Amino acid sequence: AYLFGGYTVAEDGAEISTPEVWRYGPTKQVFEVLAPMPVPVDDAVAVVYQDRFIYLVSGWHDLANVNLVQRYDITTNRWTQATPWPGLSVFGHAVGIVNNTMVICDGVAVVVGDSGPRRFEMTNQCYRGTINAANTRRIDWHRLPAHPGPARYRMAATGSTAMNAVVFAGGSD
């Protein structure tokens, strides 16, 4: 099991994203410290490809969402950047993967108006990302239609090769 970052809350309420990465070995029941995230994010989605690469897509970094796709290689303990997320940068979105194709939907975007404070708004965007098998840093992104119903925040998702489907469930609106 891999654990990625999170955030701390200061006395004044400021949130700071943390870069820590750990691997938990259930046999020995120990946590191992790994290479930290280049750009700390929390509320990102994580997806595994080929039992080797873990992609962290978009998410929150300190003061705003980021469009980054950070790829972690578990065999080399190294990070690289992959093709950026093309949609509105979000946190609290959901992802599922089947073979080399991931589907990511929803989340919360930061909206800055001409006047007044920034707002947090749900987005019902969905994208399909196909990972290039020859160069796993390249992802071919395509916009999908929004799913039926309202946008969701922190819903769960998984991929099933048996069903050849990505399944989303729950979340709040």
C-alpha atoms as a PDB file:
ATOM      1  CA  ALA A   1       0.000   0.000   0.000  1.00  0.00           C
ATOM      2  CA  TYR A   2       1.229   3.509  -0.864  1.00  0.00           C
ATOM      3  CA  LEU A   3       0.324   6.683   1.044  1.00  0.00           C
ATOM      4  CA  PHE A   4       0.749  10.093  -0.590  1.00  0.00           C
ATOM      5  CA  GLY A   5       0.971  13.364   1.342  1.00  0.00           C
ATOM      6  CA  GLY A   6      -2.005  15.069   2.826  1.00  0.00           C
ATOM      7  CA  TYR A   7      -2.033  18.467   4.484  1.00  0.00           C
ATOM      8  CA  THR A   8      -1.505  20.183   7.793  1.00  0.00           C
ATOM      9  CA  VAL A   9      -3.611  22.981   9.243  1.00  0.00           C
ATOM     10  CA  ALA A  10      -1.866  25.901  10.955  1.00  0.00           C
ATOM     11  CA  GLU A  11      -3.335  27.796  13.911  1.00  0.00           C
ATOM     12  CA  ASP A  12      -4.559  30.517  11.524  1.00  0.00           C
ATOM     13  CA  GLY A  13      -6.402  27.881   9.429  1.00  0.00           C
ATOM     14  CA  ALA A  14      -3.925  27.862   6.530  1.00  0.00           C
ATOM     15  CA  GLU A  15      -3.554  24.476   4.861  1.00  0.00           C
ATOM     16  CA  ILE A  16      -0.126  23.321   3.679  1.00  0.00           C
ATOM     17  CA  SER A  17       0.119  20.295   1.375  1.00  0.00           C
ATOM     18  CA  THR A  18       2.742  17.775   2.472  1.00  0.00           C
ATOM     19  CA  PRO A  19       5.152  15.898   0.148  1.00  0.00           C
ATOM     20  CA  GLU A  20       5.656  12.666   2.103  1.00  0.00           C
ATOM     21  CA  VAL A  21       5.298   9.270   0.435  1.00  0.00           C
ATOM     22  CA  TRP A  22       5.299   5.955   2.266  1.00  0.00           C
ATOM     23  CA  ARG A  23       5.003   2.308   1.275  1.00  0.00           C
ATOM     24  CA  TYR A  24       3.454  -0.051   3.795  1.00  0.00           C
ATOM     25  CA  GLY A  25       4.664  -3.655   3.769  1.00  0.00           C
ATOM     26  CA  PRO A  26       1.924  -5.827   5.307  1.00  0.00           C
ATOM     27  CA  THR A  27       4.221  -8.837   5.779  1.00  0.00           C
ATOM     28  CA  LYS A  28       6.745  -6.968   7.943  1.00  0.00           C
ATOM     29  CA  GLN A  29       4.142  -4.409   9.091  1.00  0.00           C
ATOM     30  CA  VAL A  30       6.475  -1.459   8.524  1.00  0.00           C
ATOM     31  CA  PHE A  31       6.275   1.864   6.693  1.00  0.00           C
ATOM     32  CA  GLU A  32       9.144   2.777   4.354  1.00  0.00           C
ATOM     33  CA  VAL A  33       9.848   6.412   3.447  1.00  0.00           C
ATOM     34  CA  LEU A  34      10.053   6.958  -0.334  1.00  0.00           C
ATOM     35  CA  ALA A  35      10.985   9.868  -2.627  1.00  0.00           C
ATOM     36  CA  PRO A  36       8.761  12.876  -1.821  1.00  0.00           C
ATOM     37  CA  MET A  37       6.300  14.300  -4.333  1.00  0.00           C
ATOM     38  CA  PRO A  38       7.901  17.054  -6.452  1.00  0.00           C
ATOM     39  CA  VAL A  39       4.747  19.164  -6.020  1.00  0.00           C
ATOM     40  CA  PRO A  40       2.878  18.197  -2.857  1.00  0.00           C
ATOM     41  CA  VAL A  41      -0.822  17.629  -3.489  1.00  0.00           C
ATOM     42  CA  ASP A  42      -3.771  16.480  -1.450  1.00  0.00           C
ATOM     43  CA  ASP A  43      -7.253  15.498  -2.574  1.00  0.00           C
ATOM     44  CA  ALA A  44      -5.701  14.302  -5.860  1.00  0.00           C
ATOM     45  CA  VAL A  45      -6.726  11.023  -7.487  1.00  0.00           C
ATOM     46  CA  ALA A  46      -4.262   8.144  -7.709  1.00  0.00           C
ATOM     47  CA  VAL A  47      -4.327   5.391 -10.292  1.00  0.00           C
ATOM     48  CA  VAL A  48      -1.993   2.423 -10.857  1.00  0.00           C
ATOM     49  CA  TYR A  49      -0.798   1.310 -14.302  1.00  0.00           C
ATOM     50  CA  GLN A  50       1.079  -1.934 -15.088  1.00  0.00           C
ATOM     51  CA  ASP A  51       1.657  -2.582 -11.360  1.00  0.00           C
ATOM     52  CA  ARG A  52       4.575  -0.163 -11.705  1.00  0.00           C
ATOM     53  CA  PHE A  53       3.442   3.432 -12.206  1.00  0.00           C
ATOM     54  CA  ILE A  54       1.214   5.474  -9.910  1.00  0.00           C
ATOM     55  CA  TYR A  55      -0.292   8.629 -11.399  1.00  0.00           C
ATOM     56  CA  LEU A  56      -1.474  11.484  -9.176  1.00  0.00           C
ATOM     57  CA  VAL A  57      -3.841  13.646 -11.224  1.00  0.00           C
ATOM     58  CA  SER A  58      -4.685  17.288 -10.417  1.00  0.00           C
ATOM     59  CA  GLY A  59      -5.535  17.957  -6.748  1.00  0.00           C
ATOM     60  CA  TRP A  60      -4.944  20.740  -4.258  1.00  0.00           C
ATOM     61  CA  HIS A  61      -1.567  22.389  -3.585  1.00  0.00           C
ATOM     62  CA  ASP A  62      -1.462  24.886  -0.680  1.00  0.00           C
ATOM     63  CA  LEU A  63      -3.617  27.698  -2.154  1.00  0.00           C
ATOM     64  CA  ALA A  64      -5.142  26.329  -5.362  1.00  0.00           C
ATOM     65  CA  ASN A  65      -5.735  23.322  -7.567  1.00  0.00           C
ATOM     66  CA  VAL A  66      -3.030  22.208 -10.012  1.00  0.00           C
ATOM     67  CA  ASN A  67      -3.272  20.691 -13.495  1.00  0.00           C
ATOM     68  CA  LEU A  68      -0.283  18.400 -12.919  1.00  0.00           C
ATOM     69  CA  VAL A  69      -0.096  14.685 -13.593  1.00  0.00           C
ATOM     70  CA  GLN A  70       2.766  13.360 -11.501  1.00  0.00           C
ATOM     71  CA  ARG A  71       3.959   9.831 -12.296  1.00  0.00           C
ATOM     72  CA  TYR A  72       5.731   7.778  -9.635  1.00  0.00           C
ATOM     73  CA  ASP A  73       7.769   4.715 -10.695  1.00  0.00           C
ATOM     74  CA  ILE A  74       7.764   2.156  -7.880  1.00  0.00           C
ATOM     75  CA  THR A  75      10.762   0.288  -9.339  1.00  0.00           C
ATOM     76  CA  THR A  76      13.097   3.311  -9.458  1.00  0.00           C
ATOM     77  CA  ASN A  77      11.552   5.408  -6.630  1.00  0.00           C
ATOM     78  CA  ARG A  78      11.504   8.404  -9.004  1.00  0.00           C
ATOM     79  CA  TRP A  79       8.945  10.999 -10.040  1.00  0.00           C
ATOM     80  CA  THR A  80       8.367  12.499 -13.481  1.00  0.00           C
ATOM     81  CA  GLN A  81       5.705  14.751 -14.952  1.00  0.00           C
ATOM     82  CA  ALA A  82       3.209  13.271 -17.400  1.00  0.00           C
ATOM     83  CA  THR A  83       0.903  15.045 -19.859  1.00  0.00           C
ATOM     84  CA  PRO A  84      -0.975  17.688 -17.810  1.00  0.00           C
ATOM     85  CA  TRP A  85      -4.637  17.382 -16.886  1.00  0.00           C
ATOM     86  CA  PRO A  86      -6.624  19.207 -19.624  1.00  0.00           C
ATOM     87  CA  GLY A  87      -9.781  20.071 -17.714  1.00  0.00           C
ATOM     88  CA  LEU A  88     -10.501  22.507 -14.933  1.00  0.00           C
ATOM     89  CA  SER A  89      -8.024  21.789 -12.150  1.00  0.00           C
ATOM     90  CA  VAL A  90      -9.968  20.112  -9.344  1.00  0.00           C
ATOM     91  CA  PHE A  91      -9.802  18.348  -6.023  1.00  0.00           C
ATOM     92  CA  GLY A  92     -12.095  15.612  -4.729  1.00  0.00           C
ATOM     93  CA  HIS A  93     -12.562  14.015  -8.169  1.00  0.00           C
ATOM     94  CA  ALA A  94     -12.720  10.244  -8.887  1.00  0.00           C
ATOM     95  CA  VAL A  95     -10.773   7.910 -11.195  1.00  0.00           C
ATOM     96  CA  GLY A  96     -10.973   4.344 -12.419  1.00  0.00           C
ATOM     97  CA  ILE A  97      -8.702   2.511 -14.881  1.00  0.00           C
ATOM     98  CA  VAL A  98      -9.063  -0.483 -17.208  1.00  0.00           C
ATOM     99  CA  ASN A  99      -5.900  -1.618 -18.979  1.00  0.00           C
ATOM    100  CA  ASN A 100      -4.302   1.668 -20.159  1.00  0.00           C
ATOM    101  CA  THR A 101      -7.435   3.822 -20.123  1.00  0.00           C
ATOM    102  CA  MET A 102      -8.525   5.897 -17.153  1.00  0.00           C
ATOM    103  CA  VAL A 103     -11.763   7.830 -16.695  1.00  0.00           C
ATOM    104  CA  ILE A 104     -11.783  10.816 -14.343  1.00  0.00           C
ATOM    105  CA  CYS A 105     -14.933  12.705 -13.370  1.00  0.00           C
ATOM    106  CA  ASP A 106     -16.152  15.604 -11.277  1.00  0.00           C
ATOM    107  CA  GLY A 107     -14.472  17.346  -8.356  1.00  0.00           C
ATOM    108  CA  VAL A 108     -14.362  20.912  -7.085  1.00  0.00           C
ATOM    109  CA  ALA A 109     -12.834  23.815  -9.011  1.00  0.00           C
ATOM    110  CA  VAL A 110     -11.783  27.216  -7.696  1.00  0.00           C
ATOM    111  CA  VAL A 111     -13.636  30.046  -9.420  1.00  0.00           C
ATOM    112  CA  VAL A 112     -12.263  33.568  -9.213  1.00  0.00           C
ATOM    113  CA  GLY A 113     -14.684  36.321 -10.150  1.00  0.00           C
ATOM    114  CA  ASP A 114     -14.070  39.946 -11.065  1.00  0.00           C
ATOM    115  CA  SER A 115     -14.846  40.965  -7.500  1.00  0.00           C
ATOM    116  CA  GLY A 116     -15.308  39.215  -4.199  1.00  0.00           C
ATOM    117  CA  PRO A 117     -13.651  36.146  -2.750  1.00  0.00           C
ATOM    118  CA  ARG A 118     -12.909  33.014  -4.704  1.00  0.00           C
ATOM    119  CA  ARG A 119     -15.614  30.349  -4.750  1.00  0.00           C
ATOM    120  CA  PHE A 120     -15.478  26.574  -4.761  1.00  0.00           C
ATOM    121  CA  GLU A 121     -17.826  25.029  -7.318  1.00  0.00           C
ATOM    122  CA  MET A 122     -18.636  21.465  -8.277  1.00  0.00           C
ATOM    123  CA  THR A 123     -17.800  20.508 -11.845  1.00  0.00           C
ATOM    124  CA  ASN A 124     -19.343  17.667 -13.800  1.00  0.00           C
ATOM    125  CA  GLN A 125     -16.471  17.297 -16.255  1.00  0.00           C
ATOM    126  CA  CYS A 126     -15.338  13.839 -17.329  1.00  0.00           C
ATOM    127  CA  TYR A 127     -12.204  12.915 -19.293  1.00  0.00           C
ATOM    128  CA  ARG A 128     -10.780   9.732 -20.740  1.00  0.00           C
ATOM    129  CA  GLY A 129      -6.993   9.450 -20.571  1.00  0.00           C
ATOM    130  CA  THR A 130      -5.186   6.778 -22.572  1.00  0.00           C
ATOM    131  CA  ILE A 131      -1.653   6.042 -21.382  1.00  0.00           C
ATOM    132  CA  ASN A 132       0.867   5.501 -24.189  1.00  0.00           C
ATOM    133  CA  ALA A 133       2.407   2.045 -23.568  1.00  0.00           C
ATOM    134  CA  ALA A 134       5.666   3.029 -25.330  1.00  0.00           C
ATOM    135  CA  ASN A 135       6.047   6.270 -23.339  1.00  0.00           C
ATOM    136  CA  THR A 136       4.083   6.112 -20.092  1.00  0.00           C
ATOM    137  CA  ARG A 137       4.597   9.845 -19.498  1.00  0.00           C
ATOM    138  CA  ARG A 138       2.282  10.571 -22.437  1.00  0.00           C
ATOM    139  CA  ILE A 139      -1.470  10.543 -21.869  1.00  0.00           C
ATOM    140  CA  ASP A 140      -3.936  11.192 -24.687  1.00  0.00           C
ATOM    141  CA  TRP A 141      -6.808  13.098 -23.046  1.00  0.00           C
ATOM    142  CA  HIS A 142     -10.337  13.362 -24.517  1.00  0.00           C
ATOM    143  CA  ARG A 143     -13.356  15.122 -23.052  1.00  0.00           C
ATOM    144  CA  LEU A 144     -16.337  12.851 -22.352  1.00  0.00           C
ATOM    145  CA  PRO A 145     -19.965  13.817 -21.886  1.00  0.00           C
ATOM    146  CA  ALA A 146     -20.935  14.564 -18.292  1.00  0.00           C
ATOM    147  CA  HIS A 147     -22.522  11.659 -16.461  1.00  0.00           C
ATOM    148  CA  PRO A 148     -26.258  11.829 -15.679  1.00  0.00           C
ATOM    149  CA  GLY A 149     -27.240  13.564 -12.472  1.00  0.00           C
ATOM    150  CA  PRO A 150     -25.480  16.222 -10.435  1.00  0.00           C
ATOM    151  CA  ALA A 151     -21.727  16.602 -10.129  1.00  0.00           C
ATOM    152  CA  ARG A 152     -20.216  14.723  -7.181  1.00  0.00           C
ATOM    153  CA  TYR A 153     -17.486  15.422  -4.667  1.00  0.00           C
ATOM    154  CA  ARG A 154     -15.241  12.644  -3.326  1.00  0.00           C
ATOM    155  CA  MET A 155     -17.118   9.789  -4.928  1.00  0.00           C
ATOM    156  CA  ALA A 156     -15.380   6.430  -5.272  1.00  0.00           C
ATOM    157  CA  ALA A 157     -14.352   4.792  -8.531  1.00  0.00           C
ATOM    158  CA  THR A 158     -12.687   1.587  -9.669  1.00  0.00           C
ATOM    159  CA  GLY A 159     -11.899  -0.165 -12.914  1.00  0.00           C
ATOM    160  CA  SER A 160     -12.815  -3.737 -13.792  1.00  0.00           C
ATOM    161  CA  THR A 161     -11.111  -5.603 -16.619  1.00  0.00           C
ATOM    162  CA  ALA A 162     -13.678  -8.411 -16.251  1.00  0.00           C
ATOM    163  CA  MET A 163     -16.496  -5.958 -16.988  1.00  0.00           C
ATOM    164  CA  ASN A 164     -14.306  -3.695 -19.148  1.00  0.00           C
ATOM    165  CA  ALA A 165     -15.853  -0.814 -17.222  1.00  0.00           C
ATOM    166  CA  VAL A 166     -15.107   1.991 -14.798  1.00  0.00           C
ATOM    167  CA  VAL A 167     -17.610   2.189 -11.941  1.00  0.00           C
ATOM    168  CA  PHE A 168     -18.334   5.361  -9.922  1.00  0.00           C
ATOM    169  CA  ALA A 169     -20.324   5.425  -6.680  1.00  0.00           C
ATOM    170  CA  GLY A 170     -21.390   7.762  -3.887  1.00  0.00           C
ATOM    171  CA  GLY A 171     -19.946  11.171  -3.194  1.00  0.00           C
ATOM    172  CA  SER A 172     -21.788  14.298  -2.180  1.00  0.00           C
ATOM    173  CA  ASP A 173     -23.353  17.015  -4.290  1.00  0.00           C
END
